[in-house]
Each structure stands twice: as structure tokens, then as C-alpha cells.
Protein backbone atom coordinates (compact mmCIF):
# COMPACT_ATOMS: atom_id res chain seq x y z
CA UNK A 1 114.88 271.70 59.50
CA UNK A 2 114.72 271.81 63.27
CA UNK A 3 117.52 274.39 63.34
CA UNK A 4 115.42 276.54 61.00
CA UNK A 5 112.32 276.23 63.20
CA UNK A 6 114.47 276.97 66.25
CA UNK A 7 115.86 280.14 64.70
CA UNK A 8 112.28 281.23 63.86
CA UNK A 9 111.20 280.48 67.46
CA UNK A 10 108.72 277.90 66.22
CA UNK A 11 110.50 274.99 67.82
CA UNK A 12 107.95 272.63 69.32
CA UNK A 13 108.47 269.31 71.05
CA UNK A 14 106.86 267.51 68.10
CA UNK A 15 109.46 268.96 65.73
CA UNK A 16 112.29 268.20 68.14
CA UNK A 17 111.12 264.59 68.37
CA UNK A 18 111.00 264.32 64.56
CA UNK A 19 114.57 265.65 64.45
CA UNK A 20 115.59 262.88 66.88
CA UNK A 21 113.86 260.29 64.70
CA UNK A 22 115.51 261.67 61.54
CA UNK A 23 119.01 261.48 63.02
CA UNK A 24 118.32 257.98 64.33
CA UNK A 25 117.13 256.92 60.87
CA UNK A 26 120.51 257.94 59.43
CA UNK A 27 122.28 255.94 62.14
CA UNK A 28 120.10 252.82 61.98
CA UNK A 29 120.37 252.61 58.19
CA UNK A 30 124.14 253.25 58.30
CA UNK A 31 124.10 256.41 56.21
CA UNK A 32 126.52 258.42 58.33
CA UNK A 33 129.69 257.91 60.32
CA UNK A 34 129.71 257.29 64.07
CA UNK A 35 131.46 260.63 64.53
CA UNK A 36 128.75 262.57 62.71
CA UNK A 37 126.06 260.73 64.64
CA UNK A 38 127.69 261.60 67.97
CA UNK A 39 127.95 265.24 66.93
CA UNK A 40 124.26 265.25 66.00
CA UNK A 41 123.34 263.60 69.30
CA UNK A 42 125.21 266.22 71.31
CA UNK A 43 123.45 269.00 69.42
CA UNK A 44 119.99 267.51 69.97
CA UNK A 45 120.73 266.84 73.64
CA UNK A 46 121.39 270.56 74.07
CA UNK A 47 118.01 271.35 72.49
CA UNK A 48 116.31 268.78 74.74
CA UNK A 49 117.90 270.30 77.83
CA UNK A 50 117.09 273.88 76.85
CA UNK A 51 113.47 273.08 75.97
CA UNK A 52 112.76 271.94 79.52
CA UNK A 53 112.11 268.29 78.71
CA UNK A 54 114.24 267.03 81.55
CA UNK A 55 112.47 269.33 84.00
CA UNK A 56 108.96 268.46 82.82
CA UNK A 57 106.49 267.69 85.58
CA UNK A 58 105.85 263.95 85.61
CA UNK A 59 104.00 263.72 88.93
CA UNK A 60 102.05 265.88 91.36
CA UNK A 61 101.66 265.60 95.12
CA UNK A 62 98.15 265.61 96.53
CA UNK A 63 97.18 267.29 99.81
CA UNK A 64 97.52 264.01 101.71
CA UNK A 65 101.08 263.62 100.41
CA UNK A 66 100.28 260.99 97.78
CA UNK A 67 102.30 261.27 94.57
CA UNK A 68 100.28 260.81 91.38
CA UNK A 69 101.72 260.45 87.87
CA UNK A 70 100.64 263.16 85.45
CA UNK A 71 98.92 261.31 82.58
CA UNK A 72 99.10 263.75 79.69
CA UNK A 73 102.67 264.99 79.85
CA UNK A 74 104.99 264.16 76.95
CA UNK A 75 108.70 264.70 77.12
CA UNK A 76 111.83 263.71 75.25
CA UNK A 77 114.76 262.10 76.99
CA UNK A 78 118.03 260.46 76.01
CA UNK A 79 119.96 257.52 77.39
CA UNK A 80 122.27 254.68 76.39
CA UNK A 81 120.30 252.09 74.43
CA UNK A 82 121.22 248.46 73.66
CA UNK A 83 121.60 247.34 70.06
CA UNK A 84 118.52 245.17 70.42
CA UNK A 85 115.94 245.74 67.74
CA UNK A 86 112.40 246.53 68.90
CA UNK A 87 113.02 245.15 72.38
CA UNK A 88 109.98 246.92 73.86
CA UNK A 89 107.70 245.27 71.28
CA UNK A 90 109.45 241.87 71.22
CA UNK A 91 111.08 239.68 73.87
CA UNK A 92 114.68 239.65 75.04
CA UNK A 93 115.52 236.18 73.69
CA UNK A 94 114.28 236.73 70.13
CA UNK A 95 115.56 240.30 69.99
CA UNK A 96 119.05 239.04 70.85
CA UNK A 97 118.71 236.09 68.47
CA UNK A 98 117.68 238.21 65.47
CA UNK A 99 119.26 241.65 65.99
CA UNK A 100 122.03 242.07 63.45
CA UNK A 101 124.70 243.15 65.95
CA UNK A 102 124.49 240.08 68.20
CA UNK A 103 123.46 237.64 65.45
CA UNK A 104 126.53 238.37 63.30
CA UNK A 105 128.92 238.50 66.25
CA UNK A 106 127.79 235.23 67.86
CA UNK A 107 126.45 233.53 64.68
CA UNK A 108 123.17 232.82 66.46
CA UNK A 109 121.86 230.85 63.45
CA UNK A 110 124.34 228.06 64.23
CA UNK A 111 124.15 225.57 67.10
CA UNK A 112 127.37 226.93 68.61
CA UNK A 113 126.18 230.50 68.30
CA UNK A 114 122.84 229.71 69.94
CA UNK A 115 124.65 227.94 72.78
CA UNK A 116 126.86 231.00 73.28
CA UNK A 117 123.82 233.24 73.52
CA UNK A 118 122.12 230.90 75.98
CA UNK A 119 125.33 230.75 78.02
CA UNK A 120 125.44 234.53 78.07
CA UNK A 121 121.88 234.70 79.40
CA UNK A 122 122.69 232.06 82.01
CA UNK A 123 125.83 233.92 83.12
CA UNK A 124 123.71 237.01 83.66
CA UNK A 125 121.20 235.00 85.69
CA UNK A 126 118.30 235.43 83.27
CA UNK A 127 116.02 232.38 82.99
CA UNK A 128 115.18 231.38 79.43
CA UNK A 129 111.44 231.27 80.16
CA UNK A 130 111.62 234.81 81.53
CA UNK A 131 113.53 236.02 78.48
CA UNK A 132 110.91 234.56 76.13
CA UNK A 133 108.12 236.60 77.69
CA UNK A 134 107.16 239.82 75.99
CA UNK A 135 109.56 242.43 77.33
CA UNK A 136 106.88 244.55 78.99
CA UNK A 137 105.89 241.55 81.15
CA UNK A 138 109.42 240.70 82.28
CA UNK A 139 110.41 241.04 85.91
CA UNK A 140 111.05 244.64 86.90
CA UNK A 141 114.12 243.45 88.81
CA UNK A 142 115.64 241.93 85.65
CA UNK A 143 114.97 245.11 83.69
CA UNK A 144 116.75 247.16 86.34
CA UNK A 145 119.75 244.79 86.39
CA UNK A 146 119.95 244.36 82.63
CA UNK A 147 122.37 247.14 81.74
CA UNK A 148 124.80 246.29 84.56
CA UNK A 149 124.73 242.61 83.59
CA UNK A 150 125.25 243.34 79.90
CA UNK A 151 128.18 245.65 80.60
CA UNK A 152 129.75 243.05 82.89
CA UNK A 153 129.45 239.96 80.70
CA UNK A 154 129.19 241.07 77.06
CA UNK A 155 132.93 241.87 76.64
CA UNK A 156 133.69 238.20 77.36
CA UNK A 157 131.77 237.35 74.19
CA UNK A 158 133.37 240.03 72.02
CA UNK A 159 130.41 242.42 72.27
CA UNK A 160 132.22 245.59 73.24
CA UNK A 161 130.12 248.39 71.72
CA UNK A 162 126.67 247.16 72.61
CA UNK A 163 125.25 250.48 73.79
CA UNK A 164 124.75 253.69 71.84
CA UNK A 165 123.22 257.04 72.71
CA UNK A 166 119.54 257.12 71.74
CA UNK A 167 116.37 259.12 72.24
CA UNK A 168 113.12 258.26 74.01
CA UNK A 169 109.64 259.74 73.98
CA UNK A 170 107.89 259.40 77.34
CA UNK A 171 104.14 259.89 77.34
CA UNK A 172 101.32 259.31 79.81
CA UNK A 173 101.55 256.97 82.76
CA UNK A 174 104.07 254.47 81.47
CA UNK A 175 104.29 254.77 77.67
CA UNK A 176 107.86 254.85 76.42
CA UNK A 177 109.09 254.51 72.86
CA UNK A 178 112.56 254.85 71.38
CA UNK A 179 113.38 256.78 68.23
CA UNK A 180 114.99 253.63 66.79
CA UNK A 181 111.73 251.69 67.20
CA UNK A 182 109.89 254.48 65.38
CA UNK A 183 112.39 254.21 62.52
CA UNK A 184 111.92 250.44 62.25
CA UNK A 185 108.14 250.69 62.39
CA UNK A 186 107.73 253.56 59.93
CA UNK A 187 110.20 252.01 57.45
CA UNK A 188 108.28 248.73 57.56
CA UNK A 189 105.02 250.58 56.89
CA UNK A 190 106.56 252.41 53.94
CA UNK A 191 107.72 249.13 52.44
CA UNK A 192 104.67 247.01 53.21
CA UNK A 193 103.48 244.97 50.25
CA UNK A 194 100.68 246.21 48.03
CA UNK A 195 97.43 244.65 49.25
CA UNK A 196 94.86 242.86 47.13
CA UNK A 197 92.53 245.86 47.39
CA UNK A 198 94.97 247.85 45.27
CA UNK A 199 96.62 249.85 48.03
CA UNK A 200 99.32 251.94 46.41
CA UNK A 201 102.66 253.28 47.53
CA UNK A 202 101.09 256.67 48.14
CA UNK A 203 98.62 255.08 50.55
CA UNK A 204 101.48 253.40 52.42
CA UNK A 205 103.23 256.76 52.62
CA UNK A 206 100.12 258.24 54.20
CA UNK A 207 99.92 255.43 56.75
CA UNK A 208 103.63 255.78 57.59
CA UNK A 209 103.24 259.55 57.93
CA UNK A 210 100.34 259.05 60.35
CA UNK A 211 102.46 256.63 62.39
CA UNK A 212 104.87 259.49 63.15
CA UNK A 213 102.08 261.26 65.02
CA UNK A 214 102.19 260.98 68.80
CA UNK A 215 98.47 260.13 68.74
CA UNK A 216 98.61 257.24 66.24
CA UNK A 217 100.65 254.67 68.17
CA UNK A 218 98.42 251.80 67.02
CA UNK A 219 99.61 252.33 63.42
CA UNK A 220 103.21 252.44 64.58
CA UNK A 221 102.74 249.17 66.48
CA UNK A 222 101.49 247.56 63.25
CA UNK A 223 104.67 248.71 61.55
CA UNK A 224 106.86 247.39 64.35
CA UNK A 225 105.26 243.95 64.09
CA UNK A 226 105.95 244.02 60.34
CA UNK A 227 109.56 245.05 61.01
CA UNK A 228 109.98 241.99 63.24
CA UNK A 229 108.83 239.75 60.36
CA UNK A 230 111.34 241.44 58.06
CA UNK A 231 114.18 240.97 60.56
CA UNK A 232 113.37 237.27 60.95
CA UNK A 233 113.54 236.97 57.15
CA UNK A 234 116.91 238.76 57.16
CA UNK A 235 118.25 236.22 59.68
CA UNK A 236 116.85 233.23 57.78
CA UNK A 237 118.13 234.30 54.38
CA UNK A 238 121.37 235.71 55.75
CA UNK A 239 122.26 232.48 57.54
CA UNK A 240 121.39 230.46 54.42
CA UNK A 241 123.61 232.63 52.23
CA UNK A 242 126.50 232.39 54.70
CA UNK A 243 126.31 228.62 55.22
CA UNK A 244 125.28 227.40 51.75
CA UNK A 245 128.28 227.06 49.49
CA UNK A 246 128.02 229.07 46.29
CA UNK A 247 125.22 231.34 47.47
CA UNK A 248 127.51 234.37 47.55
CA UNK A 249 129.48 234.81 44.34
CA UNK A 250 132.70 236.77 44.44
CA UNK A 251 134.25 238.81 41.66
CA UNK A 252 137.32 241.00 41.54
CA UNK A 253 135.47 244.17 42.57
CA UNK A 254 132.37 243.01 44.42
CA UNK A 255 130.36 240.09 45.74
CA UNK A 256 126.78 239.40 44.78
CA UNK A 257 123.94 237.26 46.08
CA UNK A 258 120.52 236.44 44.64
CA UNK A 259 117.50 235.69 46.83
CA UNK A 260 115.13 233.12 45.41
CA UNK A 261 113.08 231.95 48.43
CA UNK A 262 109.53 232.87 47.44
CA UNK A 263 108.26 233.26 51.02
CA UNK A 264 110.95 235.66 52.21
CA UNK A 265 111.31 237.59 48.96
CA UNK A 266 107.85 239.02 49.65
CA UNK A 267 109.32 240.61 52.77
CA UNK A 268 112.73 241.54 51.37
CA UNK A 269 111.80 242.75 47.86
CA UNK A 270 111.86 246.38 49.01
CA UNK A 271 114.93 248.66 48.79
CA UNK A 272 115.47 249.34 52.48
CA UNK A 273 114.72 245.76 53.56
CA UNK A 274 117.11 244.35 50.94
CA UNK A 275 119.76 246.88 51.97
CA UNK A 276 119.34 245.75 55.59
CA UNK A 277 119.88 242.17 54.41
CA UNK A 278 123.03 243.27 52.58
CA UNK A 279 124.50 244.96 55.64
CA UNK A 280 123.74 241.82 57.65
CA UNK A 281 125.73 239.74 55.16
CA UNK A 282 128.64 242.19 55.12
CA UNK A 283 128.83 242.15 58.93
CA UNK A 284 128.66 238.35 59.01
CA UNK A 285 131.40 238.04 56.39
CA UNK A 286 133.60 240.49 58.28
CA UNK A 287 133.19 238.42 61.46
CA UNK A 288 134.31 235.36 59.47
CA UNK A 289 137.48 237.22 58.50
CA UNK A 290 136.56 237.70 54.84
CA UNK A 291 138.13 240.60 52.95
CA UNK A 292 135.68 243.47 52.68
CA UNK A 293 134.21 244.12 49.23
CA UNK A 294 131.10 245.95 48.06
CA UNK A 295 128.04 243.70 47.90
CA UNK A 296 125.19 243.53 45.39
CA UNK A 297 121.89 241.93 46.42
CA UNK A 298 119.35 240.76 43.85
CA UNK A 299 115.76 239.88 44.76
CA UNK A 300 112.65 239.09 42.73
CA UNK A 301 109.98 241.78 42.96
CA UNK A 302 106.28 241.02 43.22
CA UNK A 303 106.32 241.12 39.43
CA UNK A 304 108.26 237.91 38.87
CA UNK A 305 109.68 239.17 35.56
CA UNK A 306 111.62 241.89 37.36
CA UNK A 307 114.26 242.03 40.07
CA UNK A 308 115.32 244.67 42.56
CA UNK A 309 119.09 245.22 42.74
CA UNK A 310 120.81 247.17 45.52
CA UNK A 311 124.51 247.98 45.81
CA UNK A 312 126.16 248.39 49.21
CA UNK A 313 129.65 249.74 49.77
CA UNK A 314 129.69 249.57 53.56
CA UNK A 315 129.20 252.11 56.29
CA UNK A 316 130.53 255.63 55.54
CA UNK A 317 133.99 256.41 56.95
CA UNK A 318 135.12 259.74 58.33
CA UNK A 319 137.11 261.62 55.70
CA UNK A 320 136.03 259.37 52.83
CA UNK A 321 136.06 261.27 49.54
CA UNK A 322 134.03 258.86 47.40
CA UNK A 323 130.56 257.64 48.32
CA UNK A 324 128.62 254.72 46.86
CA UNK A 325 130.09 254.15 43.39
CA UNK A 326 127.25 251.97 42.14
CA UNK A 327 124.80 254.74 41.16
CA UNK A 328 126.21 255.90 37.80
CA UNK A 329 127.54 252.42 37.03
CA UNK A 330 124.07 250.90 37.57
CA UNK A 331 122.38 253.21 35.06
CA UNK A 332 125.13 252.84 32.46
CA UNK A 333 125.21 249.03 32.74
CA UNK A 334 121.40 248.82 32.57
CA UNK A 335 121.30 250.99 29.43
CA UNK A 336 123.85 248.78 27.70
CA UNK A 337 121.79 245.64 28.33
CA UNK A 338 118.97 247.15 26.28
CA UNK A 339 116.48 245.88 28.86
CA UNK A 340 113.73 247.89 30.51
CA UNK A 341 114.77 249.30 33.87
CA UNK A 342 113.62 251.76 36.55
CA UNK A 343 116.25 253.91 38.27
CA UNK A 344 114.16 256.64 39.93
CA UNK A 345 114.24 255.34 43.51
CA UNK A 346 115.40 257.28 46.57
CA UNK A 347 118.98 255.98 46.23
CA UNK A 348 120.93 255.81 42.98
CA UNK A 349 122.36 252.45 44.11
CA UNK A 350 118.88 250.88 43.85
CA UNK A 351 117.53 249.76 40.48
CA UNK A 352 114.70 247.57 39.14
CA UNK A 353 115.60 245.49 36.08
CA UNK A 354 114.12 242.77 33.89
CA UNK A 355 115.05 239.32 35.21
CA UNK A 356 116.42 238.07 31.87
CA UNK A 357 119.01 240.87 31.85
CA UNK A 358 120.60 240.18 35.26
CA UNK A 359 123.64 238.20 34.05
CA UNK A 360 124.33 240.67 31.25
CA UNK A 361 123.96 243.52 33.73
CA UNK A 362 126.50 241.95 36.09
CA UNK A 363 129.05 241.49 33.30
CA UNK A 364 128.75 245.11 32.20
CA UNK A 365 128.79 246.35 35.78
CA UNK A 366 132.06 244.52 36.39
CA UNK A 367 133.56 246.27 33.36
CA UNK A 368 132.37 249.66 34.63
CA UNK A 369 134.02 249.19 38.01
CA UNK A 370 137.42 248.01 36.74
């Protein structure tokens, strides 16, 4: 879409920023290969450079020589970002503890994993009390040293691809927000639970759409706080599934897990949240040395008589011919159960089914995938 607006000479910074957010969404939700993401990043960096963002005036010099920051300038930049979810809105300790990349690598839910993370912070010279402060209140010196310290010590802990190329929106005196944080916040708003006043999905879409506006940051911040709650639920339920024997069932073609914790199912009973949980489990299993198989996650919806089922085949690989094979198999298996189902979601590998039909559905799905 941005290429179209660019060719029509209607390319504005707002559209360029939305293009950055769109590409980041594909990356964060593991819908494209690393190679395709890098190609997209290079293309957008060229647009950012040519649109004058890097040369934007961020300060002016007064007659007495004093430099003053320009308050109303907005510009897009790019830099290497750490794989730490919502760091600007959270704190360093909890972001490291809960972010899927570090959590699955170090197993931060276990005593040994937590000790490793604390040792890492100590090796870098970061006091625990400092790391538990909200990031914006941390010492400026620590923030400046952070990247150098991470690059020096993370490889010792097996964290070798901690940084990725990301996009930032800089606005006003000191406001800075990353495209990844926008993705997390807007996704959480889209999947927020229906409220008691009857708020519908269309209303949530409107709220999420508003949060993309550069002038509605308060709505985006609400979404980011919700995303933090979801990520904590992912860690809690993911660690339980990994450590509790029998939680993850394994068949010849796929594994499957069913969430039954009533508190966390309210947060994870949405397609994207449950998919995030599934990717967390797949990463954790890979770190344990388990053979990779597709994973099916089952979670009760807010209507207790129905469940949401998502199928995950893993991150796309360059040159792969076949995509997610669950889509057609889901519909066919659901039809054969004779139960009521809903298969009109954004992804064909997401389906809502009557609870009583789950076991029958799994049997038929196994037959379809043989």
C-alpha cells in the first residue's frame, strides 16, 4: 500500500509509519521469514532516508546560543532493537523475565533459569533494584551502556541473536515509541474481552484503529498494559505446560495442549494471544531438544460450551512450498464431528468448536494429516 501511495506521490510520514508497523506485525507474529523481513526493512529504510526523516530539525539555536528542542516535530528512525517486549512501558527485569526469547532460552520460570538471568544482570553491573524500576526512570548511564553490555555478555548465555532491526517514531521533546510496541498494544486492544456494557468486536476494532493515530497515545498505552498481562499469562501457562507431566500430548503428526486455568483463559482465549502461547511452547520445547512437530492449542472461550483451537506449524522457512496445513483439515474434521463450529476467522488455522466435540475432532484431524 505504501508503494502505491509513493508512486502516486501521496506518501506521507503517517503512511510510512503505518508501513513500518505493518512489516513489524508480520515479524513479531512470525508470519514471514527472517530473509523477507530483512528485505522489507532495507526497502523501508530507503524510504525513511529519502523522505528526510533523518535530516529532520530536532532542535533550534536561539540568539544567545542556547539549543532548544523542537516540540512538535515527528520523525521516523531505525536502529537495532533488543528482543525485550514493551521495554519502554515495563521494566528491564520483568521484560527479560517474560519476553519469549529470553524466557525460553534461559527457562526463567525455573529456579535455575531465574538465577541465570540474575547472574547475567550482575555480570553487566546492573543492580536488581535499578532493573525493577520502570524503564523510563532508570539511570541514563545504564541505558547508554545497555547495548554494549548485552552484546558483551549475552553470548555466554547462548543468546546470540538478541538484536534485530526495528523502527522508532520520535515525537515532541522526548517521546519515543517502537513499531513493535505499537503492534503489541494494538493487538491487545483488538483482542480485549467483551465488557459487561456489551462492547462488541467492532467497538474494539475502532479503539485499536484510533490507537494507531499519532495523537491517541493514551489508548495505545492502555493496549500495551493489556499486552503485558497477556504475556505474563503466556509465561505462567507455558511454564506449567512444560513442567507438568501429561499437559502436552503427543501424536504421530502433532502435539496438542488444552488450557483449563479459568483466570488465564480469559486473557488467552483470543486467536492471536493463543497463537503467541503456542509459539512460546514450541520455542521452549526446541530448547529442551524435543523433535519439532506442529502444535495445536485448545482454550475455552468466554462461552464455556465452546473452545478456540489454533494450529501452529512453526515459523515460515525460506523456499518452503507448503504453508500451514491445518486450515482445510480443520474444516473437514469439524464437519465430520457433526458439531456446530465457526471457521470464518482471519486465519484458516483458527476455529471455534463445541467443547463436547474436541476429542472427536482430534481423532478425525489425525486421520486427515496422515
